[in-house]
Amino acid sequence: MSKETQFIKLFVAAERKFLGYLITLLPTVEDAEELMQETSIVIWEKFDEFLATQEGEPNIDRFVAWGCKVAFYKVLNHRRKRASKSKQLSEEVIELISSAWLHKQESYELGDRQTALRRCLEKLPAAKRDLLHDYYWQKQDVKHIAKKNQQTTASVYKLLQRIRISLHKCIEQRLAQ
């Protein structure tokens, strides 16, 4: 996938979050829209730097966090330019609001992940769900599970690994939708 395609895919998914973040930190929607344009340009110009910090495929959550940092500095710059024209919140208050907004976003994303996990677990065959239940919720050790299911410990470990990989793929697919 080309750099441009990656950027467009991530940016389209994140644009509303960036704008919401800016609206939270600025006194007017017009200011937020103006800074959204400036932020978008900087995000594109620095996209190579973002990609350089990523291991594997870029993730929307990391892109949003990174882009919000870019937007945060744009807000601080904007405030400095307008400081003499009007009363404004202190930088400390802006940082607190920014932190609270980002924390709230993380909570929403965690909720989305949990919902996706629940749906993916429902799709698993009963035997695999039972294995996960025994291992994670009942805290049974692998030797006990292997003996109970008349399997080797190695085969139980491999099956757990395969289930985790398939759940991870399922969750990522659901979140991408």
N, C-alpha and C. Protein backbone atom coordinates (compact mmCIF):
# COMPACT_ATOMS: atom_id res chain seq x y z
N MET A 1 0.85 -1.17 0.00
CA MET A 1 0.00 0.00 0.00
C MET A 1 0.90 1.24 0.00
N SER A 2 0.59 2.19 -0.84
CA SER A 2 1.41 3.40 -0.94
C SER A 2 1.25 4.27 0.30
N LYS A 3 2.22 5.14 0.50
CA LYS A 3 2.19 6.07 1.63
C LYS A 3 0.93 6.94 1.56
N GLU A 4 0.60 7.40 0.37
CA GLU A 4 -0.57 8.25 0.20
C GLU A 4 -1.85 7.52 0.57
N THR A 5 -1.96 6.27 0.15
CA THR A 5 -3.14 5.46 0.46
C THR A 5 -3.24 5.23 1.96
N GLN A 6 -2.10 4.91 2.59
CA GLN A 6 -2.10 4.72 4.05
C GLN A 6 -2.57 5.99 4.75
N PHE A 7 -2.04 7.12 4.32
CA PHE A 7 -2.40 8.39 4.94
C PHE A 7 -3.89 8.66 4.79
N ILE A 8 -4.39 8.53 3.58
CA ILE A 8 -5.81 8.82 3.33
C ILE A 8 -6.69 7.91 4.18
N LYS A 9 -6.36 6.63 4.22
CA LYS A 9 -7.14 5.67 5.00
C LYS A 9 -7.17 6.06 6.48
N LEU A 10 -6.01 6.38 7.04
CA LEU A 10 -5.93 6.76 8.45
C LEU A 10 -6.59 8.12 8.69
N PHE A 11 -6.32 9.08 7.81
CA PHE A 11 -6.83 10.43 8.03
C PHE A 11 -8.35 10.49 7.96
N VAL A 12 -8.92 9.80 7.00
CA VAL A 12 -10.39 9.79 6.87
C VAL A 12 -11.02 9.19 8.13
N ALA A 13 -10.41 8.14 8.66
CA ALA A 13 -10.94 7.52 9.88
C ALA A 13 -10.76 8.40 11.11
N ALA A 14 -9.76 9.28 11.10
CA ALA A 14 -9.42 10.07 12.28
C ALA A 14 -9.89 11.52 12.22
N GLU A 15 -10.26 12.00 11.07
CA GLU A 15 -10.52 13.44 10.89
C GLU A 15 -11.55 13.98 11.88
N ARG A 16 -12.65 13.28 12.09
CA ARG A 16 -13.69 13.76 13.01
C ARG A 16 -13.16 13.82 14.44
N LYS A 17 -12.31 12.88 14.80
CA LYS A 17 -11.73 12.90 16.14
C LYS A 17 -10.82 14.10 16.30
N PHE A 18 -10.02 14.39 15.28
CA PHE A 18 -9.14 15.56 15.34
C PHE A 18 -9.97 16.84 15.51
N LEU A 19 -11.03 16.96 14.71
CA LEU A 19 -11.86 18.16 14.78
C LEU A 19 -12.53 18.25 16.15
N GLY A 20 -13.04 17.15 16.66
CA GLY A 20 -13.65 17.14 17.99
C GLY A 20 -12.66 17.56 19.07
N TYR A 21 -11.44 17.09 18.93
CA TYR A 21 -10.37 17.45 19.87
C TYR A 21 -10.11 18.95 19.82
N LEU A 22 -10.00 19.50 18.62
CA LEU A 22 -9.75 20.93 18.46
C LEU A 22 -10.92 21.77 19.00
N ILE A 23 -12.15 21.34 18.74
CA ILE A 23 -13.32 22.05 19.25
C ILE A 23 -13.29 22.10 20.78
N THR A 24 -12.83 21.02 21.39
CA THR A 24 -12.73 20.96 22.84
C THR A 24 -11.74 21.98 23.39
N LEU A 25 -10.68 22.26 22.66
CA LEU A 25 -9.60 23.12 23.16
C LEU A 25 -9.71 24.58 22.75
N LEU A 26 -10.57 24.89 21.81
CA LEU A 26 -10.63 26.26 21.28
C LEU A 26 -11.97 26.92 21.59
N PRO A 27 -11.98 28.25 21.63
CA PRO A 27 -13.19 28.95 22.02
C PRO A 27 -14.31 28.92 20.98
N THR A 28 -13.97 28.80 19.69
CA THR A 28 -15.02 28.80 18.65
C THR A 28 -14.81 27.65 17.67
N VAL A 29 -15.89 27.26 17.05
CA VAL A 29 -15.83 26.22 16.02
C VAL A 29 -15.03 26.73 14.83
N GLU A 30 -15.15 28.02 14.54
CA GLU A 30 -14.41 28.60 13.42
C GLU A 30 -12.90 28.46 13.65
N ASP A 31 -12.45 28.73 14.89
CA ASP A 31 -11.03 28.54 15.21
C ASP A 31 -10.63 27.09 15.02
N ALA A 32 -11.49 26.18 15.47
CA ALA A 32 -11.20 24.74 15.34
C ALA A 32 -11.09 24.34 13.87
N GLU A 33 -12.00 24.83 13.05
CA GLU A 33 -11.96 24.49 11.62
C GLU A 33 -10.71 25.05 10.95
N GLU A 34 -10.35 26.28 11.33
CA GLU A 34 -9.13 26.88 10.77
C GLU A 34 -7.90 26.07 11.16
N LEU A 35 -7.81 25.72 12.44
CA LEU A 35 -6.65 24.94 12.89
C LEU A 35 -6.68 23.51 12.37
N MET A 36 -7.87 23.01 12.06
CA MET A 36 -7.97 21.68 11.47
C MET A 36 -7.27 21.66 10.13
N GLN A 37 -7.45 22.70 9.35
CA GLN A 37 -6.77 22.77 8.05
C GLN A 37 -5.26 22.83 8.23
N GLU A 38 -4.81 23.68 9.16
CA GLU A 38 -3.36 23.80 9.41
C GLU A 38 -2.79 22.48 9.95
N THR A 39 -3.53 21.87 10.85
CA THR A 39 -3.08 20.60 11.45
C THR A 39 -3.00 19.51 10.38
N SER A 40 -3.98 19.48 9.48
CA SER A 40 -3.99 18.47 8.41
C SER A 40 -2.74 18.57 7.55
N ILE A 41 -2.34 19.79 7.26
CA ILE A 41 -1.15 20.00 6.43
C ILE A 41 0.10 19.48 7.15
N VAL A 42 0.22 19.82 8.44
CA VAL A 42 1.39 19.38 9.21
C VAL A 42 1.40 17.86 9.35
N ILE A 43 0.22 17.28 9.59
CA ILE A 43 0.14 15.82 9.72
C ILE A 43 0.63 15.15 8.43
N TRP A 44 0.22 15.69 7.27
CA TRP A 44 0.69 15.13 6.01
C TRP A 44 2.19 15.33 5.85
N GLU A 45 2.68 16.54 6.15
CA GLU A 45 4.11 16.83 5.99
C GLU A 45 4.97 15.94 6.89
N LYS A 46 4.47 15.59 8.06
CA LYS A 46 5.24 14.81 9.02
C LYS A 46 4.84 13.32 9.04
N PHE A 47 4.04 12.90 8.07
CA PHE A 47 3.56 11.53 8.05
C PHE A 47 4.70 10.51 7.98
N ASP A 48 5.78 10.85 7.28
CA ASP A 48 6.93 9.95 7.22
C ASP A 48 7.51 9.72 8.62
N GLU A 49 7.53 10.78 9.43
CA GLU A 49 8.03 10.64 10.80
C GLU A 49 7.14 9.68 11.60
N PHE A 50 5.83 9.81 11.42
CA PHE A 50 4.90 8.89 12.09
C PHE A 50 5.16 7.46 11.64
N LEU A 51 5.27 7.24 10.34
CA LEU A 51 5.49 5.89 9.82
C LEU A 51 6.79 5.29 10.35
N ALA A 52 7.81 6.13 10.52
CA ALA A 52 9.11 5.64 11.00
C ALA A 52 9.03 5.11 12.43
N THR A 53 8.03 5.56 13.18
CA THR A 53 7.90 5.10 14.58
C THR A 53 7.03 3.86 14.71
N GLN A 54 6.44 3.42 13.62
CA GLN A 54 5.49 2.30 13.67
C GLN A 54 6.16 0.97 13.37
N GLU A 55 5.75 -0.02 14.12
CA GLU A 55 6.17 -1.39 13.83
C GLU A 55 5.01 -2.06 13.11
N GLY A 56 5.25 -2.48 11.90
CA GLY A 56 4.19 -3.12 11.12
C GLY A 56 3.22 -2.10 10.57
N GLU A 57 1.98 -2.53 10.39
CA GLU A 57 0.92 -1.70 9.82
C GLU A 57 0.54 -0.57 10.79
N PRO A 58 0.46 0.68 10.31
CA PRO A 58 0.05 1.79 11.19
C PRO A 58 -1.34 1.53 11.78
N ASN A 59 -1.51 1.94 13.02
CA ASN A 59 -2.73 1.69 13.78
C ASN A 59 -3.49 3.00 13.92
N ILE A 60 -4.81 2.97 13.76
CA ILE A 60 -5.62 4.19 13.84
C ILE A 60 -5.52 4.83 15.22
N ASP A 61 -5.47 4.04 16.28
CA ASP A 61 -5.40 4.62 17.63
C ASP A 61 -4.10 5.40 17.81
N ARG A 62 -2.99 4.84 17.35
CA ARG A 62 -1.71 5.55 17.47
C ARG A 62 -1.69 6.79 16.57
N PHE A 63 -2.32 6.68 15.40
CA PHE A 63 -2.38 7.82 14.49
C PHE A 63 -3.17 8.97 15.12
N VAL A 64 -4.29 8.65 15.75
CA VAL A 64 -5.10 9.68 16.41
C VAL A 64 -4.30 10.33 17.54
N ALA A 65 -3.64 9.53 18.36
CA ALA A 65 -2.84 10.09 19.46
C ALA A 65 -1.74 10.99 18.93
N TRP A 66 -1.06 10.53 17.89
CA TRP A 66 0.01 11.33 17.29
C TRP A 66 -0.54 12.61 16.68
N GLY A 67 -1.61 12.50 15.92
CA GLY A 67 -2.22 13.67 15.30
C GLY A 67 -2.73 14.68 16.32
N CYS A 68 -3.24 14.19 17.44
CA CYS A 68 -3.71 15.10 18.50
C CYS A 68 -2.54 15.85 19.13
N LYS A 69 -1.38 15.24 19.17
CA LYS A 69 -0.20 15.97 19.67
C LYS A 69 0.14 17.11 18.71
N VAL A 70 0.08 16.83 17.42
CA VAL A 70 0.33 17.87 16.42
C VAL A 70 -0.69 18.99 16.62
N ALA A 71 -1.96 18.62 16.76
CA ALA A 71 -3.02 19.61 16.95
C ALA A 71 -2.82 20.40 18.24
N PHE A 72 -2.37 19.74 19.29
CA PHE A 72 -2.14 20.41 20.58
C PHE A 72 -1.12 21.54 20.41
N TYR A 73 -0.04 21.27 19.71
CA TYR A 73 0.96 22.31 19.51
C TYR A 73 0.43 23.43 18.60
N LYS A 74 -0.43 23.09 17.67
CA LYS A 74 -1.06 24.11 16.85
C LYS A 74 -1.93 25.02 17.72
N VAL A 75 -2.65 24.41 18.67
CA VAL A 75 -3.50 25.18 19.58
C VAL A 75 -2.64 26.12 20.43
N LEU A 76 -1.55 25.62 20.97
CA LEU A 76 -0.67 26.47 21.79
C LEU A 76 -0.14 27.64 20.97
N ASN A 77 0.26 27.38 19.76
CA ASN A 77 0.76 28.43 18.86
C ASN A 77 -0.34 29.46 18.58
N HIS A 78 -1.51 28.97 18.29
CA HIS A 78 -2.66 29.82 18.02
C HIS A 78 -2.96 30.72 19.23
N ARG A 79 -2.90 30.16 20.41
CA ARG A 79 -3.17 30.92 21.63
C ARG A 79 -2.14 32.02 21.84
N ARG A 80 -0.89 31.70 21.58
CA ARG A 80 0.18 32.70 21.74
C ARG A 80 -0.04 33.89 20.80
N LYS A 81 -0.45 33.59 19.58
CA LYS A 81 -0.70 34.65 18.60
C LYS A 81 -1.85 35.56 19.04
N ARG A 82 -2.85 34.97 19.70
CA ARG A 82 -4.05 35.73 20.07
C ARG A 82 -4.04 36.19 21.53
N ALA A 83 -2.97 35.93 22.25
CA ALA A 83 -2.92 36.21 23.69
C ALA A 83 -3.23 37.66 24.01
N SER A 84 -2.76 38.57 23.22
CA SER A 84 -2.97 39.99 23.52
C SER A 84 -4.39 40.45 23.18
N LYS A 85 -5.09 39.70 22.33
CA LYS A 85 -6.41 40.13 21.86
C LYS A 85 -7.54 39.77 22.83
N SER A 86 -7.40 38.70 23.57
CA SER A 86 -8.51 38.28 24.43
C SER A 86 -8.01 37.45 25.61
N LYS A 87 -8.88 37.32 26.60
CA LYS A 87 -8.55 36.47 27.74
C LYS A 87 -8.67 35.01 27.30
N GLN A 88 -7.74 34.20 27.77
CA GLN A 88 -7.75 32.80 27.39
C GLN A 88 -7.44 31.93 28.60
N LEU A 89 -7.76 30.67 28.47
CA LEU A 89 -7.42 29.71 29.51
C LEU A 89 -5.90 29.57 29.57
N SER A 90 -5.40 29.23 30.75
CA SER A 90 -3.96 29.02 30.88
C SER A 90 -3.53 27.75 30.15
N GLU A 91 -2.24 27.67 29.87
CA GLU A 91 -1.72 26.46 29.20
C GLU A 91 -1.94 25.23 30.06
N GLU A 92 -1.87 25.39 31.38
CA GLU A 92 -2.09 24.25 32.28
C GLU A 92 -3.51 23.71 32.13
N VAL A 93 -4.48 24.61 32.04
CA VAL A 93 -5.87 24.18 31.87
C VAL A 93 -6.05 23.52 30.51
N ILE A 94 -5.44 24.08 29.48
CA ILE A 94 -5.52 23.48 28.14
C ILE A 94 -4.92 22.07 28.18
N GLU A 95 -3.79 21.89 28.85
CA GLU A 95 -3.17 20.57 28.96
C GLU A 95 -4.09 19.60 29.70
N LEU A 96 -4.75 20.06 30.77
CA LEU A 96 -5.67 19.19 31.51
C LEU A 96 -6.86 18.78 30.63
N ILE A 97 -7.40 19.73 29.89
CA ILE A 97 -8.52 19.41 29.00
C ILE A 97 -8.07 18.42 27.93
N SER A 98 -6.89 18.67 27.37
CA SER A 98 -6.34 17.79 26.35
C SER A 98 -6.18 16.37 26.89
N SER A 99 -5.60 16.27 28.06
CA SER A 99 -5.37 14.96 28.68
C SER A 99 -6.70 14.24 28.94
N ALA A 100 -7.68 14.97 29.44
CA ALA A 100 -8.99 14.37 29.72
C ALA A 100 -9.64 13.88 28.43
N TRP A 101 -9.54 14.68 27.36
CA TRP A 101 -10.14 14.29 26.08
C TRP A 101 -9.48 13.02 25.56
N LEU A 102 -8.14 12.98 25.60
CA LEU A 102 -7.43 11.80 25.09
C LEU A 102 -7.77 10.57 25.93
N HIS A 103 -7.89 10.74 27.24
CA HIS A 103 -8.24 9.61 28.11
C HIS A 103 -9.64 9.10 27.78
N LYS A 104 -10.56 10.02 27.52
CA LYS A 104 -11.93 9.64 27.16
C LYS A 104 -11.92 8.86 25.85
N GLN A 105 -11.12 9.30 24.88
CA GLN A 105 -11.02 8.59 23.60
C GLN A 105 -10.51 7.18 23.81
N GLU A 106 -9.49 7.03 24.68
CA GLU A 106 -8.94 5.70 24.97
C GLU A 106 -10.02 4.81 25.58
N SER A 107 -10.86 5.39 26.44
CA SER A 107 -11.94 4.61 27.06
C SER A 107 -12.93 4.13 26.02
N TYR A 108 -13.30 5.03 25.05
CA TYR A 108 -14.21 4.62 23.99
C TYR A 108 -13.59 3.50 23.17
N GLU A 109 -12.30 3.65 22.83
CA GLU A 109 -11.65 2.65 22.01
C GLU A 109 -11.55 1.31 22.74
N LEU A 110 -11.31 1.36 24.06
CA LEU A 110 -11.27 0.13 24.84
C LEU A 110 -12.63 -0.53 24.82
N GLY A 111 -13.70 0.27 24.95
CA GLY A 111 -15.05 -0.28 24.88
C GLY A 111 -15.33 -0.93 23.55
N ASP A 112 -14.85 -0.30 22.46
CA ASP A 112 -15.01 -0.88 21.13
C ASP A 112 -14.27 -2.20 21.03
N ARG A 113 -13.07 -2.26 21.60
CA ARG A 113 -12.28 -3.51 21.58
C ARG A 113 -12.99 -4.61 22.36
N GLN A 114 -13.55 -4.25 23.51
CA GLN A 114 -14.24 -5.24 24.32
C GLN A 114 -15.48 -5.78 23.60
N THR A 115 -16.19 -4.89 22.95
CA THR A 115 -17.37 -5.32 22.18
C THR A 115 -16.94 -6.24 21.04
N ALA A 116 -15.88 -5.88 20.34
CA ALA A 116 -15.38 -6.72 19.25
C ALA A 116 -14.93 -8.08 19.78
N LEU A 117 -14.23 -8.09 20.92
CA LEU A 117 -13.79 -9.35 21.52
C LEU A 117 -14.99 -10.23 21.85
N ARG A 118 -16.00 -9.64 22.45
CA ARG A 118 -17.21 -10.41 22.81
C ARG A 118 -17.83 -11.05 21.57
N ARG A 119 -17.94 -10.28 20.50
CA ARG A 119 -18.53 -10.81 19.26
C ARG A 119 -17.66 -11.92 18.66
N CYS A 120 -16.34 -11.72 18.71
CA CYS A 120 -15.43 -12.72 18.16
C CYS A 120 -15.47 -14.01 19.00
N LEU A 121 -15.59 -13.87 20.30
CA LEU A 121 -15.70 -15.05 21.16
C LEU A 121 -16.97 -15.83 20.85
N GLU A 122 -18.05 -15.10 20.57
CA GLU A 122 -19.33 -15.76 20.24
C GLU A 122 -19.20 -16.60 18.97
N LYS A 123 -18.33 -16.19 18.05
CA LYS A 123 -18.17 -16.91 16.79
C LYS A 123 -17.33 -18.18 16.93
N LEU A 124 -16.56 -18.28 18.04
CA LEU A 124 -15.71 -19.46 18.23
C LEU A 124 -16.55 -20.71 18.49
N PRO A 125 -16.07 -21.86 18.06
CA PRO A 125 -16.73 -23.12 18.43
C PRO A 125 -16.72 -23.30 19.95
N ALA A 126 -17.70 -24.01 20.46
CA ALA A 126 -17.86 -24.19 21.91
C ALA A 126 -16.61 -24.78 22.56
N ALA A 127 -15.95 -25.72 21.90
CA ALA A 127 -14.77 -26.36 22.49
C ALA A 127 -13.65 -25.35 22.72
N LYS A 128 -13.48 -24.43 21.78
CA LYS A 128 -12.44 -23.41 21.92
C LYS A 128 -12.82 -22.40 23.00
N ARG A 129 -14.10 -22.03 23.06
CA ARG A 129 -14.55 -21.12 24.13
C ARG A 129 -14.34 -21.77 25.49
N ASP A 130 -14.64 -23.07 25.58
CA ASP A 130 -14.46 -23.79 26.84
C ASP A 130 -12.99 -23.80 27.25
N LEU A 131 -12.10 -24.01 26.29
CA LEU A 131 -10.67 -24.01 26.58
C LEU A 131 -10.24 -22.65 27.13
N LEU A 132 -10.68 -21.57 26.47
CA LEU A 132 -10.35 -20.23 26.95
C LEU A 132 -10.92 -20.00 28.35
N HIS A 133 -12.14 -20.45 28.57
CA HIS A 133 -12.79 -20.29 29.88
C HIS A 133 -11.98 -20.99 30.96
N ASP A 134 -11.59 -22.23 30.70
CA ASP A 134 -10.81 -22.98 31.68
C ASP A 134 -9.47 -22.31 31.97
N TYR A 135 -8.81 -21.86 30.92
CA TYR A 135 -7.47 -21.30 31.08
C TYR A 135 -7.48 -19.90 31.68
N TYR A 136 -8.33 -19.00 31.15
CA TYR A 136 -8.29 -17.60 31.59
C TYR A 136 -9.20 -17.29 32.77
N TRP A 137 -10.41 -17.85 32.77
CA TRP A 137 -11.35 -17.48 33.82
C TRP A 137 -11.29 -18.43 35.01
N GLN A 138 -11.09 -19.71 34.74
CA GLN A 138 -10.99 -20.68 35.83
C GLN A 138 -9.55 -20.82 36.34
N LYS A 139 -8.60 -20.20 35.62
CA LYS A 139 -7.17 -20.20 36.00
C LYS A 139 -6.61 -21.62 36.13
N GLN A 140 -7.10 -22.52 35.28
CA GLN A 140 -6.57 -23.89 35.30
C GLN A 140 -5.25 -23.91 34.54
N ASP A 141 -4.30 -24.69 35.03
CA ASP A 141 -3.02 -24.75 34.33
C ASP A 141 -3.14 -25.68 33.12
N VAL A 142 -2.20 -25.53 32.21
CA VAL A 142 -2.25 -26.25 30.94
C VAL A 142 -2.16 -27.77 31.16
N LYS A 143 -1.36 -28.18 32.12
CA LYS A 143 -1.26 -29.64 32.40
C LYS A 143 -2.63 -30.22 32.75
N HIS A 144 -3.35 -29.52 33.60
CA HIS A 144 -4.67 -29.99 34.02
C HIS A 144 -5.63 -30.03 32.82
N ILE A 145 -5.63 -28.99 32.01
CA ILE A 145 -6.50 -28.93 30.83
C ILE A 145 -6.14 -30.05 29.85
N ALA A 146 -4.85 -30.25 29.64
CA ALA A 146 -4.39 -31.30 28.71
C ALA A 146 -4.85 -32.67 29.19
N LYS A 147 -4.69 -32.91 30.48
CA LYS A 147 -5.09 -34.21 31.04
C LYS A 147 -6.59 -34.40 30.90
N LYS A 148 -7.35 -33.37 31.23
CA LYS A 148 -8.82 -33.43 31.16
C LYS A 148 -9.30 -33.70 29.73
N ASN A 149 -8.61 -33.12 28.74
CA ASN A 149 -9.02 -33.26 27.34
C ASN A 149 -8.25 -34.35 26.60
N GLN A 150 -7.44 -35.09 27.32
CA GLN A 150 -6.63 -36.18 26.75
C GLN A 150 -5.77 -35.67 25.59
N GLN A 151 -5.03 -34.58 25.88
CA GLN A 151 -4.13 -33.99 24.90
C GLN A 151 -2.77 -33.78 25.56
N THR A 152 -1.77 -33.47 24.74
CA THR A 152 -0.46 -33.13 25.31
C THR A 152 -0.48 -31.65 25.70
N THR A 153 0.42 -31.29 26.61
CA THR A 153 0.49 -29.88 27.01
C THR A 153 0.91 -29.02 25.80
N ALA A 154 1.80 -29.56 24.98
CA ALA A 154 2.24 -28.81 23.80
C ALA A 154 1.07 -28.51 22.86
N SER A 155 0.19 -29.48 22.68
CA SER A 155 -0.95 -29.25 21.79
C SER A 155 -1.92 -28.22 22.37
N VAL A 156 -2.07 -28.20 23.69
CA VAL A 156 -2.94 -27.20 24.31
C VAL A 156 -2.32 -25.81 24.15
N TYR A 157 -1.01 -25.68 24.38
CA TYR A 157 -0.34 -24.40 24.18
C TYR A 157 -0.50 -23.91 22.74
N LYS A 158 -0.31 -24.80 21.78
CA LYS A 158 -0.44 -24.43 20.37
C LYS A 158 -1.87 -23.99 20.05
N LEU A 159 -2.84 -24.72 20.59
CA LEU A 159 -4.23 -24.38 20.34
C LEU A 159 -4.56 -23.01 20.95
N LEU A 160 -4.09 -22.76 22.15
CA LEU A 160 -4.30 -21.45 22.78
C LEU A 160 -3.68 -20.33 21.92
N GLN A 161 -2.49 -20.60 21.41
CA GLN A 161 -1.82 -19.61 20.56
C GLN A 161 -2.63 -19.35 19.29
N ARG A 162 -3.11 -20.40 18.67
CA ARG A 162 -3.92 -20.24 17.44
C ARG A 162 -5.22 -19.48 17.72
N ILE A 163 -5.84 -19.77 18.86
CA ILE A 163 -7.08 -19.07 19.22
C ILE A 163 -6.79 -17.59 19.44
N ARG A 164 -5.71 -17.27 20.15
CA ARG A 164 -5.36 -15.86 20.40
C ARG A 164 -5.12 -15.13 19.08
N ILE A 165 -4.40 -15.77 18.17
CA ILE A 165 -4.11 -15.15 16.86
C ILE A 165 -5.42 -14.93 16.10
N SER A 166 -6.30 -15.92 16.09
CA SER A 166 -7.55 -15.76 15.35
C SER A 166 -8.44 -14.69 16.00
N LEU A 167 -8.45 -14.59 17.33
CA LEU A 167 -9.22 -13.55 18.00
C LEU A 167 -8.64 -12.16 17.68
N HIS A 168 -7.32 -12.07 17.68
CA HIS A 168 -6.68 -10.80 17.36
C HIS A 168 -7.07 -10.34 15.95
N LYS A 169 -7.00 -11.26 14.99
CA LYS A 169 -7.38 -10.92 13.60
C LYS A 169 -8.85 -10.51 13.52
N CYS A 170 -9.70 -11.25 14.20
CA CYS A 170 -11.13 -10.96 14.20
C CYS A 170 -11.40 -9.58 14.78
N ILE A 171 -10.76 -9.26 15.90
CA ILE A 171 -10.96 -7.95 16.54
C ILE A 171 -10.49 -6.83 15.62
N GLU A 172 -9.31 -6.99 15.02
CA GLU A 172 -8.79 -5.96 14.12
C GLU A 172 -9.72 -5.75 12.93
N GLN A 173 -10.28 -6.84 12.39
CA GLN A 173 -11.21 -6.72 11.26
C GLN A 173 -12.48 -5.98 11.67
N ARG A 174 -12.99 -6.30 12.86
CA ARG A 174 -14.21 -5.64 13.34
C ARG A 174 -13.96 -4.16 13.58
N LEU A 175 -12.81 -3.83 14.16
CA LEU A 175 -12.50 -2.42 14.44
C LEU A 175 -12.27 -1.63 13.16
N ALA A 176 -11.74 -2.31 12.14
CA ALA A 176 -11.49 -1.64 10.86
C ALA A 176 -12.81 -1.29 10.16
N GLN A 177 -13.86 -2.06 10.45
CA GLN A 177 -15.17 -1.78 9.85
C GLN A 177 -15.76 -0.62 10.58
